[in-house]
Amino acid sequence: MKRSTWMAALLVLPWMLGSHTVQAASPAVGDLVPDVTVKDETGKAHKLSDYRGKVVVFEWTNQDCPFVKRHYKADTMEKLSAELGAKEVVWFAVNSTYSNKPEDTLAWKEKQGFEYLTLQDASGELGKLMGAKTTPHMYVVNPDGKLAYQGAIDDDPRGRSDSPKNYVRGAAAALLDGLEPDPSSTQPYGCSVKYASN
């Protein structure tokens, strides 16, 4: 091998290796969820391990997304979070929109009147670790910190049903009864998550 070719190979190899190791695979159902620290709109830091022993719901959101607006107009998230909160289920919204700022979340929260916290993920770290693709994209984590459900909020992407099947309600109820959610995975729908460009 010529010296120039050998040197080029040495330069390219770390880049190739790096391209395969920069992003870990998103957790599959049954896997532990990454225990990263993320701040909410008030500046308080949260780690998933802080909530071991409880069922935790993550709702990927973006207040500019028409799908999110529809669900908030119908109070889908607010009513379900209150219903599950009464059973000690923890609910977090997560905003991975690159342009979102805490003050944007606070203004949206005041307008909509919901009480749960929104994790601020403008870097996209948590969203990419979890594999969040849409707003909304829902995740339900069991008391052991393992992913138990991921996918759509319900089976009504177009909002035309009077009685949609709410997958998150079903998943949380199953876990509270000591059962495994069925289904444990569905196809999420909504707007694409607006990650910062790399």
N, C-alpha and C. Protein backbone atom coordinates (compact mmCIF):
# COMPACT_ATOMS: atom_id res chain seq x y z
N MET A 1 0.86 -1.20 0.00
CA MET A 1 0.00 0.00 0.00
C MET A 1 0.88 1.24 0.00
N LYS A 2 0.59 2.19 -0.88
CA LYS A 2 1.37 3.41 -0.93
C LYS A 2 1.17 4.20 0.35
N ARG A 3 2.21 4.99 0.70
CA ARG A 3 2.15 5.77 1.93
C ARG A 3 0.94 6.72 1.93
N SER A 4 0.67 7.37 0.80
CA SER A 4 -0.45 8.32 0.73
C SER A 4 -1.78 7.62 0.96
N THR A 5 -1.93 6.42 0.39
CA THR A 5 -3.16 5.65 0.55
C THR A 5 -3.32 5.20 1.99
N TRP A 6 -2.22 4.76 2.59
CA TRP A 6 -2.22 4.29 3.98
C TRP A 6 -2.60 5.43 4.93
N MET A 7 -2.03 6.62 4.68
CA MET A 7 -2.34 7.77 5.53
C MET A 7 -3.81 8.17 5.39
N ALA A 8 -4.32 8.12 4.16
CA ALA A 8 -5.73 8.46 3.94
C ALA A 8 -6.65 7.51 4.68
N ALA A 9 -6.26 6.22 4.69
CA ALA A 9 -7.07 5.22 5.39
C ALA A 9 -7.09 5.51 6.89
N LEU A 10 -5.95 5.92 7.45
CA LEU A 10 -5.89 6.24 8.87
C LEU A 10 -6.77 7.44 9.21
N LEU A 11 -6.83 8.38 8.27
CA LEU A 11 -7.66 9.56 8.51
C LEU A 11 -9.14 9.25 8.41
N VAL A 12 -9.51 8.37 7.49
CA VAL A 12 -10.92 8.04 7.27
C VAL A 12 -11.46 7.09 8.33
N LEU A 13 -10.64 6.19 8.85
CA LEU A 13 -11.10 5.16 9.78
C LEU A 13 -11.78 5.73 11.02
N PRO A 14 -11.17 6.72 11.72
CA PRO A 14 -11.86 7.24 12.90
C PRO A 14 -13.21 7.86 12.55
N TRP A 15 -13.30 8.52 11.37
CA TRP A 15 -14.57 9.12 10.97
C TRP A 15 -15.63 8.03 10.75
N MET A 16 -15.20 6.93 10.11
CA MET A 16 -16.13 5.84 9.87
C MET A 16 -16.60 5.21 11.17
N LEU A 17 -15.65 5.00 12.08
CA LEU A 17 -16.02 4.42 13.37
C LEU A 17 -16.95 5.35 14.12
N GLY A 18 -16.62 6.66 14.08
CA GLY A 18 -17.43 7.63 14.78
C GLY A 18 -18.85 7.67 14.25
N SER A 19 -19.00 7.51 12.96
CA SER A 19 -20.33 7.59 12.37
C SER A 19 -21.21 6.44 12.84
N HIS A 20 -20.59 5.37 13.33
CA HIS A 20 -21.38 4.23 13.80
C HIS A 20 -21.60 4.27 15.30
N THR A 21 -20.89 5.16 16.00
CA THR A 21 -20.97 5.16 17.46
C THR A 21 -21.54 6.44 18.04
N VAL A 22 -21.80 7.44 17.22
CA VAL A 22 -22.29 8.71 17.74
C VAL A 22 -23.68 8.54 18.36
N GLN A 23 -24.56 7.84 17.68
CA GLN A 23 -25.91 7.67 18.20
C GLN A 23 -26.17 6.21 18.57
N ALA A 24 -26.53 6.02 19.83
CA ALA A 24 -26.90 4.68 20.26
C ALA A 24 -28.28 4.37 19.71
N ALA A 25 -28.59 3.10 19.60
CA ALA A 25 -29.92 2.70 19.12
C ALA A 25 -30.97 3.14 20.13
N SER A 26 -32.10 3.56 19.63
CA SER A 26 -33.20 3.96 20.50
C SER A 26 -33.69 2.75 21.27
N PRO A 27 -34.16 2.93 22.51
CA PRO A 27 -34.62 1.77 23.29
C PRO A 27 -35.83 1.10 22.65
N ALA A 28 -35.80 -0.21 22.63
CA ALA A 28 -36.96 -0.99 22.20
C ALA A 28 -37.82 -1.27 23.42
N VAL A 29 -39.04 -1.68 23.18
CA VAL A 29 -39.90 -2.05 24.31
C VAL A 29 -39.20 -3.14 25.12
N GLY A 30 -39.13 -2.92 26.42
CA GLY A 30 -38.43 -3.85 27.31
C GLY A 30 -37.05 -3.37 27.72
N ASP A 31 -36.51 -2.38 27.00
CA ASP A 31 -35.19 -1.84 27.31
C ASP A 31 -35.29 -0.73 28.35
N LEU A 32 -34.20 -0.54 29.10
CA LEU A 32 -34.13 0.60 30.01
C LEU A 32 -34.08 1.88 29.19
N VAL A 33 -34.77 2.89 29.67
CA VAL A 33 -34.78 4.19 29.00
C VAL A 33 -33.54 4.97 29.46
N PRO A 34 -32.86 5.69 28.55
CA PRO A 34 -31.66 6.44 28.93
C PRO A 34 -31.93 7.38 30.10
N ASP A 35 -31.02 7.39 31.06
CA ASP A 35 -31.22 8.17 32.28
C ASP A 35 -30.49 9.51 32.17
N VAL A 36 -30.89 10.32 31.19
CA VAL A 36 -30.27 11.63 31.01
C VAL A 36 -30.97 12.65 31.90
N THR A 37 -30.29 13.77 32.13
CA THR A 37 -30.85 14.86 32.91
C THR A 37 -31.33 15.95 31.97
N VAL A 38 -32.59 16.38 32.13
CA VAL A 38 -33.17 17.42 31.28
C VAL A 38 -33.91 18.41 32.18
N LYS A 39 -33.79 19.70 31.86
CA LYS A 39 -34.47 20.73 32.64
C LYS A 39 -35.86 21.01 32.07
N ASP A 40 -36.79 21.37 32.97
CA ASP A 40 -38.12 21.77 32.53
C ASP A 40 -38.15 23.28 32.28
N GLU A 41 -39.34 23.81 32.00
CA GLU A 41 -39.45 25.23 31.66
C GLU A 41 -39.16 26.16 32.83
N THR A 42 -39.14 25.64 34.06
CA THR A 42 -38.80 26.45 35.23
C THR A 42 -37.33 26.38 35.58
N GLY A 43 -36.59 25.54 34.87
CA GLY A 43 -35.16 25.40 35.13
C GLY A 43 -34.82 24.24 36.05
N LYS A 44 -35.82 23.51 36.53
CA LYS A 44 -35.55 22.37 37.40
C LYS A 44 -35.11 21.17 36.58
N ALA A 45 -34.08 20.47 37.06
CA ALA A 45 -33.55 19.30 36.36
C ALA A 45 -34.28 18.03 36.78
N HIS A 46 -34.48 17.13 35.81
CA HIS A 46 -35.16 15.86 36.07
C HIS A 46 -34.36 14.72 35.45
N LYS A 47 -34.31 13.59 36.17
CA LYS A 47 -33.75 12.34 35.66
C LYS A 47 -34.81 11.27 35.80
N LEU A 48 -34.87 10.37 34.84
CA LEU A 48 -35.88 9.32 34.91
C LEU A 48 -35.74 8.50 36.19
N SER A 49 -34.50 8.28 36.61
CA SER A 49 -34.28 7.47 37.81
C SER A 49 -34.90 8.11 39.06
N ASP A 50 -35.18 9.43 38.98
CA ASP A 50 -35.86 10.09 40.10
C ASP A 50 -37.29 9.58 40.29
N TYR A 51 -37.82 8.92 39.24
CA TYR A 51 -39.22 8.51 39.25
C TYR A 51 -39.39 6.99 39.22
N ARG A 52 -38.34 6.27 39.58
CA ARG A 52 -38.45 4.81 39.67
C ARG A 52 -39.53 4.45 40.68
N GLY A 53 -40.28 3.42 40.35
CA GLY A 53 -41.40 3.01 41.19
C GLY A 53 -42.72 3.57 40.71
N LYS A 54 -42.66 4.47 39.71
CA LYS A 54 -43.88 5.05 39.16
C LYS A 54 -43.94 4.81 37.65
N VAL A 55 -45.14 4.80 37.12
CA VAL A 55 -45.33 4.79 35.68
C VAL A 55 -45.12 6.22 35.19
N VAL A 56 -44.36 6.38 34.11
CA VAL A 56 -44.05 7.70 33.57
C VAL A 56 -44.47 7.77 32.10
N VAL A 57 -45.15 8.86 31.74
CA VAL A 57 -45.55 9.10 30.36
C VAL A 57 -44.75 10.27 29.81
N PHE A 58 -44.20 10.10 28.60
CA PHE A 58 -43.55 11.19 27.88
C PHE A 58 -44.38 11.50 26.64
N GLU A 59 -44.68 12.77 26.45
CA GLU A 59 -45.46 13.25 25.30
C GLU A 59 -44.61 14.24 24.51
N TRP A 60 -44.14 13.84 23.33
CA TRP A 60 -43.39 14.80 22.51
C TRP A 60 -44.35 15.81 21.92
N THR A 61 -44.01 17.08 22.03
CA THR A 61 -44.94 18.13 21.67
C THR A 61 -44.27 19.26 20.90
N ASN A 62 -45.09 20.04 20.22
CA ASN A 62 -44.67 21.25 19.52
C ASN A 62 -45.92 22.08 19.32
N GLN A 63 -46.00 23.21 20.00
CA GLN A 63 -47.23 23.99 19.98
C GLN A 63 -47.61 24.54 18.60
N ASP A 64 -46.70 24.48 17.64
CA ASP A 64 -47.01 24.95 16.29
C ASP A 64 -47.53 23.83 15.37
N CYS A 65 -47.54 22.61 15.85
CA CYS A 65 -47.96 21.46 15.04
C CYS A 65 -49.48 21.35 15.02
N PRO A 66 -50.10 21.26 13.84
CA PRO A 66 -51.56 21.13 13.77
C PRO A 66 -52.12 19.92 14.52
N PHE A 67 -51.39 18.81 14.53
CA PHE A 67 -51.86 17.63 15.26
C PHE A 67 -51.88 17.91 16.76
N VAL A 68 -50.84 18.57 17.25
CA VAL A 68 -50.78 18.93 18.67
C VAL A 68 -51.89 19.92 19.00
N LYS A 69 -52.08 20.92 18.14
CA LYS A 69 -53.14 21.91 18.37
C LYS A 69 -54.50 21.24 18.47
N ARG A 70 -54.74 20.27 17.58
CA ARG A 70 -56.03 19.56 17.62
C ARG A 70 -56.25 18.85 18.94
N HIS A 71 -55.21 18.15 19.40
CA HIS A 71 -55.35 17.42 20.67
C HIS A 71 -55.51 18.37 21.86
N TYR A 72 -54.83 19.51 21.81
CA TYR A 72 -54.96 20.46 22.92
C TYR A 72 -56.31 21.18 22.88
N LYS A 73 -56.83 21.40 21.70
CA LYS A 73 -58.17 21.98 21.59
C LYS A 73 -59.21 21.03 22.18
N ALA A 74 -58.98 19.73 22.00
CA ALA A 74 -59.90 18.71 22.54
C ALA A 74 -59.56 18.32 23.97
N ASP A 75 -58.49 18.90 24.53
CA ASP A 75 -58.04 18.59 25.90
C ASP A 75 -57.63 17.13 26.07
N THR A 76 -57.18 16.50 25.00
CA THR A 76 -56.80 15.09 25.07
C THR A 76 -55.73 14.86 26.12
N MET A 77 -54.64 15.62 26.04
CA MET A 77 -53.51 15.42 26.94
C MET A 77 -53.84 15.88 28.36
N GLU A 78 -54.51 17.04 28.45
CA GLU A 78 -54.81 17.58 29.78
C GLU A 78 -55.71 16.64 30.58
N LYS A 79 -56.76 16.14 29.93
CA LYS A 79 -57.70 15.26 30.65
C LYS A 79 -57.05 13.93 31.02
N LEU A 80 -56.28 13.37 30.09
CA LEU A 80 -55.66 12.08 30.37
C LEU A 80 -54.57 12.21 31.43
N SER A 81 -53.79 13.28 31.37
CA SER A 81 -52.75 13.47 32.39
C SER A 81 -53.36 13.64 33.77
N ALA A 82 -54.50 14.33 33.85
CA ALA A 82 -55.17 14.50 35.15
C ALA A 82 -55.74 13.17 35.64
N GLU A 83 -56.33 12.42 34.71
CA GLU A 83 -56.90 11.10 35.05
C GLU A 83 -55.80 10.17 35.58
N LEU A 84 -54.68 10.13 34.87
CA LEU A 84 -53.60 9.24 35.27
C LEU A 84 -52.84 9.79 36.48
N GLY A 85 -52.77 11.12 36.58
CA GLY A 85 -52.10 11.73 37.73
C GLY A 85 -52.78 11.36 39.04
N ALA A 86 -54.09 11.19 38.99
CA ALA A 86 -54.84 10.78 40.19
C ALA A 86 -54.44 9.37 40.63
N LYS A 87 -53.81 8.62 39.71
CA LYS A 87 -53.32 7.27 40.02
C LYS A 87 -51.80 7.27 40.19
N GLU A 88 -51.24 8.47 40.39
CA GLU A 88 -49.81 8.68 40.65
C GLU A 88 -48.93 8.36 39.45
N VAL A 89 -49.49 8.45 38.25
CA VAL A 89 -48.68 8.35 37.03
C VAL A 89 -48.07 9.72 36.77
N VAL A 90 -46.78 9.75 36.45
CA VAL A 90 -46.07 11.00 36.17
C VAL A 90 -46.16 11.29 34.67
N TRP A 91 -46.48 12.53 34.33
CA TRP A 91 -46.62 12.92 32.92
C TRP A 91 -45.68 14.08 32.61
N PHE A 92 -44.85 13.92 31.60
CA PHE A 92 -44.01 15.00 31.10
C PHE A 92 -44.28 15.22 29.62
N ALA A 93 -44.48 16.47 29.22
CA ALA A 93 -44.34 16.81 27.81
C ALA A 93 -42.85 17.01 27.56
N VAL A 94 -42.43 16.82 26.32
CA VAL A 94 -41.03 17.06 25.93
C VAL A 94 -41.05 17.86 24.63
N ASN A 95 -40.33 18.97 24.61
CA ASN A 95 -40.26 19.78 23.39
C ASN A 95 -38.83 19.74 22.86
N SER A 96 -38.65 19.05 21.74
CA SER A 96 -37.33 18.94 21.11
C SER A 96 -37.21 19.88 19.91
N THR A 97 -38.13 20.83 19.78
CA THR A 97 -38.07 21.80 18.69
C THR A 97 -36.86 22.70 18.90
N TYR A 98 -36.00 22.79 17.89
CA TYR A 98 -34.72 23.49 18.05
C TYR A 98 -34.89 24.96 18.43
N SER A 99 -36.00 25.58 18.01
CA SER A 99 -36.20 27.01 18.25
C SER A 99 -36.98 27.31 19.52
N ASN A 100 -37.47 26.28 20.19
CA ASN A 100 -38.30 26.50 21.38
C ASN A 100 -37.46 26.97 22.56
N LYS A 101 -37.99 27.92 23.29
CA LYS A 101 -37.35 28.44 24.50
C LYS A 101 -38.30 28.26 25.68
N PRO A 102 -37.76 28.24 26.91
CA PRO A 102 -38.62 28.07 28.08
C PRO A 102 -39.77 29.08 28.13
N GLU A 103 -39.50 30.33 27.72
CA GLU A 103 -40.56 31.33 27.76
C GLU A 103 -41.68 31.02 26.75
N ASP A 104 -41.32 30.35 25.65
CA ASP A 104 -42.35 29.92 24.69
C ASP A 104 -43.26 28.87 25.33
N THR A 105 -42.63 27.94 26.04
CA THR A 105 -43.40 26.91 26.73
C THR A 105 -44.30 27.51 27.80
N LEU A 106 -43.77 28.46 28.55
CA LEU A 106 -44.56 29.09 29.61
C LEU A 106 -45.77 29.82 29.03
N ALA A 107 -45.58 30.48 27.89
CA ALA A 107 -46.69 31.19 27.26
C ALA A 107 -47.75 30.21 26.75
N TRP A 108 -47.30 29.10 26.14
CA TRP A 108 -48.21 28.05 25.65
C TRP A 108 -48.96 27.41 26.82
N LYS A 109 -48.25 27.17 27.89
CA LYS A 109 -48.84 26.54 29.07
C LYS A 109 -49.92 27.44 29.68
N GLU A 110 -49.64 28.75 29.74
CA GLU A 110 -50.63 29.69 30.28
C GLU A 110 -51.86 29.76 29.37
N LYS A 111 -51.63 29.74 28.08
CA LYS A 111 -52.74 29.81 27.12
C LYS A 111 -53.62 28.57 27.20
N GLN A 112 -52.99 27.40 27.32
CA GLN A 112 -53.74 26.14 27.30
C GLN A 112 -54.27 25.74 28.67
N GLY A 113 -53.57 26.18 29.72
CA GLY A 113 -54.05 25.90 31.07
C GLY A 113 -53.68 24.54 31.62
N PHE A 114 -52.67 23.87 31.04
CA PHE A 114 -52.27 22.57 31.60
C PHE A 114 -51.23 22.76 32.70
N GLU A 115 -51.07 21.76 33.55
CA GLU A 115 -50.21 21.90 34.73
C GLU A 115 -48.91 21.09 34.66
N TYR A 116 -48.87 20.04 33.85
CA TYR A 116 -47.66 19.21 33.85
C TYR A 116 -46.49 19.95 33.22
N LEU A 117 -45.29 19.48 33.54
CA LEU A 117 -44.06 20.14 33.11
C LEU A 117 -43.67 19.72 31.69
N THR A 118 -42.93 20.59 31.03
CA THR A 118 -42.43 20.31 29.69
C THR A 118 -40.91 20.32 29.72
N LEU A 119 -40.30 19.18 29.44
CA LEU A 119 -38.85 19.10 29.41
C LEU A 119 -38.34 19.83 28.17
N GLN A 120 -37.31 20.67 28.39
CA GLN A 120 -36.77 21.51 27.33
C GLN A 120 -35.60 20.80 26.66
N ASP A 121 -35.81 20.37 25.43
CA ASP A 121 -34.83 19.53 24.72
C ASP A 121 -34.47 20.15 23.37
N ALA A 122 -34.18 21.46 23.36
CA ALA A 122 -33.87 22.13 22.10
C ALA A 122 -32.64 21.53 21.42
N SER A 123 -31.76 20.93 22.20
CA SER A 123 -30.59 20.26 21.62
C SER A 123 -30.98 18.98 20.88
N GLY A 124 -32.15 18.45 21.23
CA GLY A 124 -32.61 17.20 20.63
C GLY A 124 -31.99 15.96 21.22
N GLU A 125 -31.21 16.09 22.28
CA GLU A 125 -30.50 14.94 22.85
C GLU A 125 -31.46 13.84 23.29
N LEU A 126 -32.46 14.22 24.10
CA LEU A 126 -33.39 13.22 24.61
C LEU A 126 -34.25 12.65 23.48
N GLY A 127 -34.72 13.52 22.61
CA GLY A 127 -35.56 13.06 21.51
C GLY A 127 -34.86 12.06 20.62
N LYS A 128 -33.60 12.33 20.30
CA LYS A 128 -32.85 11.42 19.43
C LYS A 128 -32.51 10.12 20.16
N LEU A 129 -32.22 10.23 21.46
CA LEU A 129 -31.95 9.01 22.23
C LEU A 129 -33.18 8.10 22.26
N MET A 130 -34.35 8.72 22.38
CA MET A 130 -35.58 7.94 22.45
C MET A 130 -36.10 7.54 21.07
N GLY A 131 -35.63 8.23 20.04
CA GLY A 131 -36.12 7.94 18.69
C GLY A 131 -37.45 8.61 18.40
N ALA A 132 -37.72 9.73 19.07
CA ALA A 132 -38.98 10.45 18.85
C ALA A 132 -39.04 10.98 17.42
N LYS A 133 -40.11 10.67 16.73
CA LYS A 133 -40.24 11.02 15.31
C LYS A 133 -41.30 12.07 15.04
N THR A 134 -42.35 12.10 15.85
CA THR A 134 -43.48 12.97 15.55
C THR A 134 -43.94 13.72 16.79
N THR A 135 -44.74 14.74 16.53
CA THR A 135 -45.46 15.41 17.62
C THR A 135 -46.95 15.30 17.30
N PRO A 136 -47.67 14.52 18.16
CA PRO A 136 -47.15 13.84 19.34
C PRO A 136 -46.53 12.47 19.03
N HIS A 137 -45.56 12.08 19.85
CA HIS A 137 -45.04 10.71 19.89
C HIS A 137 -45.02 10.37 21.37
N MET A 138 -45.67 9.28 21.74
CA MET A 138 -45.90 8.96 23.14
C MET A 138 -45.04 7.79 23.59
N TYR A 139 -44.59 7.87 24.84
CA TYR A 139 -43.82 6.79 25.46
C TYR A 139 -44.35 6.56 26.87
N VAL A 140 -44.50 5.29 27.23
CA VAL A 140 -44.90 4.96 28.59
C VAL A 140 -43.82 4.06 29.17
N VAL A 141 -43.32 4.45 30.33
CA VAL A 141 -42.20 3.76 30.98
C VAL A 141 -42.71 3.08 32.24
N ASN A 142 -42.30 1.83 32.44
CA ASN A 142 -42.79 1.09 33.61
C ASN A 142 -42.03 1.49 34.88
N PRO A 143 -42.48 1.04 36.06
CA PRO A 143 -41.83 1.46 37.31
C PRO A 143 -40.37 1.05 37.43
N ASP A 144 -39.92 0.10 36.61
CA ASP A 144 -38.52 -0.30 36.63
C ASP A 144 -37.66 0.54 35.69
N GLY A 145 -38.26 1.52 35.03
CA GLY A 145 -37.51 2.38 34.12
C GLY A 145 -37.35 1.81 32.73
N LYS A 146 -38.18 0.82 32.39
CA LYS A 146 -38.09 0.20 31.07
C LYS A 146 -39.24 0.67 30.17
N LEU A 147 -38.94 0.79 28.90
CA LEU A 147 -39.96 1.22 27.95
C LEU A 147 -41.03 0.14 27.82
N ALA A 148 -42.28 0.53 28.03
CA ALA A 148 -43.39 -0.43 27.97
C ALA A 148 -44.31 -0.18 26.79
N TYR A 149 -44.33 1.07 26.32
CA TYR A 149 -45.16 1.40 25.14
C TYR A 149 -44.54 2.58 24.43
N GLN A 150 -44.61 2.56 23.09
CA GLN A 150 -44.22 3.71 22.30
C GLN A 150 -45.09 3.77 21.06
N GLY A 151 -45.44 5.00 20.65
CA GLY A 151 -46.23 5.14 19.43
C GLY A 151 -47.22 6.28 19.50
N ALA A 152 -48.39 6.05 18.93
CA ALA A 152 -49.43 7.07 18.83
C ALA A 152 -50.18 7.23 20.15
N ILE A 153 -50.80 8.38 20.31
CA ILE A 153 -51.67 8.60 21.46
C ILE A 153 -52.95 7.77 21.33
N ASP A 154 -53.44 7.64 20.07
CA ASP A 154 -54.67 6.90 19.85
C ASP A 154 -54.72 6.35 18.43
N ASP A 155 -55.85 5.75 18.08
CA ASP A 155 -55.99 5.15 16.74
C ASP A 155 -56.76 6.04 15.78
N ASP A 156 -56.70 7.36 16.02
CA ASP A 156 -57.51 8.30 15.24
C ASP A 156 -56.65 9.46 14.71
N PRO A 157 -55.75 9.19 13.76
CA PRO A 157 -54.84 10.23 13.27
C PRO A 157 -55.56 11.46 12.72
N ARG A 158 -56.70 11.28 12.08
CA ARG A 158 -57.40 12.40 11.45
C ARG A 158 -58.41 13.09 12.37
N GLY A 159 -58.58 12.54 13.57
CA GLY A 159 -59.49 13.17 14.52
C GLY A 159 -60.94 13.09 14.13
N ARG A 160 -61.34 12.00 13.52
CA ARG A 160 -62.71 11.86 13.02
C ARG A 160 -63.59 10.95 13.89
N SER A 161 -62.98 10.23 14.82
CA SER A 161 -63.74 9.28 15.64
C SER A 161 -64.32 9.96 16.88
N ASP A 162 -65.54 9.56 17.24
CA ASP A 162 -66.15 10.07 18.47
C ASP A 162 -65.64 9.32 19.70
N SER A 163 -65.09 8.13 19.48
CA SER A 163 -64.59 7.33 20.61
C SER A 163 -63.31 6.61 20.21
N PRO A 164 -62.21 7.37 20.03
CA PRO A 164 -60.95 6.73 19.63
C PRO A 164 -60.40 5.84 20.75
N LYS A 165 -59.63 4.84 20.34
CA LYS A 165 -58.96 3.99 21.32
C LYS A 165 -57.68 4.68 21.75
N ASN A 166 -57.58 5.00 23.03
CA ASN A 166 -56.41 5.70 23.54
C ASN A 166 -55.37 4.68 24.02
N TYR A 167 -54.30 4.57 23.26
CA TYR A 167 -53.27 3.57 23.56
C TYR A 167 -52.52 3.89 24.86
N VAL A 168 -52.33 5.16 25.16
CA VAL A 168 -51.59 5.54 26.36
C VAL A 168 -52.39 5.21 27.61
N ARG A 169 -53.67 5.49 27.58
CA ARG A 169 -54.53 5.11 28.71
C ARG A 169 -54.48 3.60 28.93
N GLY A 170 -54.56 2.85 27.83
CA GLY A 170 -54.52 1.38 27.94
C GLY A 170 -53.19 0.87 28.47
N ALA A 171 -52.10 1.48 28.02
CA ALA A 171 -50.77 1.04 28.47
C ALA A 171 -50.57 1.33 29.95
N ALA A 172 -50.95 2.53 30.36
CA ALA A 172 -50.79 2.89 31.77
C ALA A 172 -51.67 2.02 32.67
N ALA A 173 -52.90 1.78 32.24
CA ALA A 173 -53.81 0.95 33.03
C ALA A 173 -53.25 -0.46 33.19
N ALA A 174 -52.69 -1.01 32.11
CA ALA A 174 -52.11 -2.35 32.18
C ALA A 174 -50.97 -2.39 33.19
N LEU A 175 -50.09 -1.42 33.12
CA LEU A 175 -48.95 -1.39 34.04
C LEU A 175 -49.39 -1.25 35.48
N LEU A 176 -50.39 -0.42 35.72
CA LEU A 176 -50.89 -0.25 37.09
C LEU A 176 -51.53 -1.53 37.63
N ASP A 177 -51.98 -2.38 36.71
CA ASP A 177 -52.55 -3.68 37.10
C ASP A 177 -51.51 -4.80 37.09
N GLY A 178 -50.24 -4.44 36.87
CA GLY A 178 -49.18 -5.44 36.86
C GLY A 178 -49.10 -6.25 35.59
N LEU A 179 -49.67 -5.73 34.50
CA LEU A 179 -49.69 -6.42 33.21
C LEU A 179 -48.81 -5.71 32.20
N GLU A 180 -48.58 -6.36 31.06
CA GLU A 180 -47.84 -5.75 29.96
C GLU A 180 -48.83 -5.10 29.00
N PRO A 181 -48.53 -3.90 28.51
CA PRO A 181 -49.44 -3.25 27.56
C PRO A 181 -49.60 -4.06 26.28
N ASP A 182 -50.79 -4.02 25.74
CA ASP A 182 -51.09 -4.69 24.46
C ASP A 182 -52.09 -3.81 23.71
N PRO A 183 -51.61 -3.11 22.65
CA PRO A 183 -50.30 -3.26 22.02
C PRO A 183 -49.22 -2.52 22.81
N SER A 184 -47.98 -2.92 22.59
CA SER A 184 -46.84 -2.25 23.22
C SER A 184 -46.16 -1.27 22.27
N SER A 185 -46.57 -1.31 21.00
CA SER A 185 -45.98 -0.41 20.01
C SER A 185 -46.98 -0.16 18.90
N THR A 186 -47.11 1.10 18.49
CA THR A 186 -47.95 1.46 17.36
C THR A 186 -47.21 2.49 16.52
N GLN A 187 -47.76 2.80 15.36
CA GLN A 187 -47.14 3.78 14.48
C GLN A 187 -47.52 5.19 14.93
N PRO A 188 -46.54 6.02 15.33
CA PRO A 188 -46.89 7.38 15.74
C PRO A 188 -47.32 8.22 14.53
N TYR A 189 -48.15 9.21 14.77
CA TYR A 189 -48.55 10.11 13.71
C TYR A 189 -48.38 11.55 14.19
N GLY A 190 -48.34 12.47 13.23
CA GLY A 190 -48.22 13.88 13.58
C GLY A 190 -47.21 14.58 12.71
N CYS A 191 -46.74 15.73 13.18
CA CYS A 191 -45.70 16.48 12.48
C CYS A 191 -44.34 15.87 12.82
N SER A 192 -43.37 16.04 11.94
CA SER A 192 -42.03 15.58 12.26
C SER A 192 -41.45 16.43 13.38
N VAL A 193 -40.61 15.83 14.24
CA VAL A 193 -39.95 16.59 15.29
C VAL A 193 -38.95 17.53 14.62
N LYS A 194 -38.98 18.81 15.00
CA LYS A 194 -38.14 19.81 14.37
C LYS A 194 -36.80 19.90 15.09
N TYR A 195 -35.96 18.88 14.84
CA TYR A 195 -34.63 18.85 15.45
C TYR A 195 -33.71 19.91 14.84
N ALA A 196 -32.73 20.33 15.63
CA ALA A 196 -31.69 21.20 15.09
C ALA A 196 -30.91 20.43 14.04
N SER A 197 -30.55 21.09 12.97
CA SER A 197 -29.79 20.42 11.91
C SER A 197 -28.38 20.15 12.42
N ASN A 198 -27.83 19.01 11.99
CA ASN A 198 -26.48 18.62 12.45
C ASN A 198 -25.42 19.14 11.50
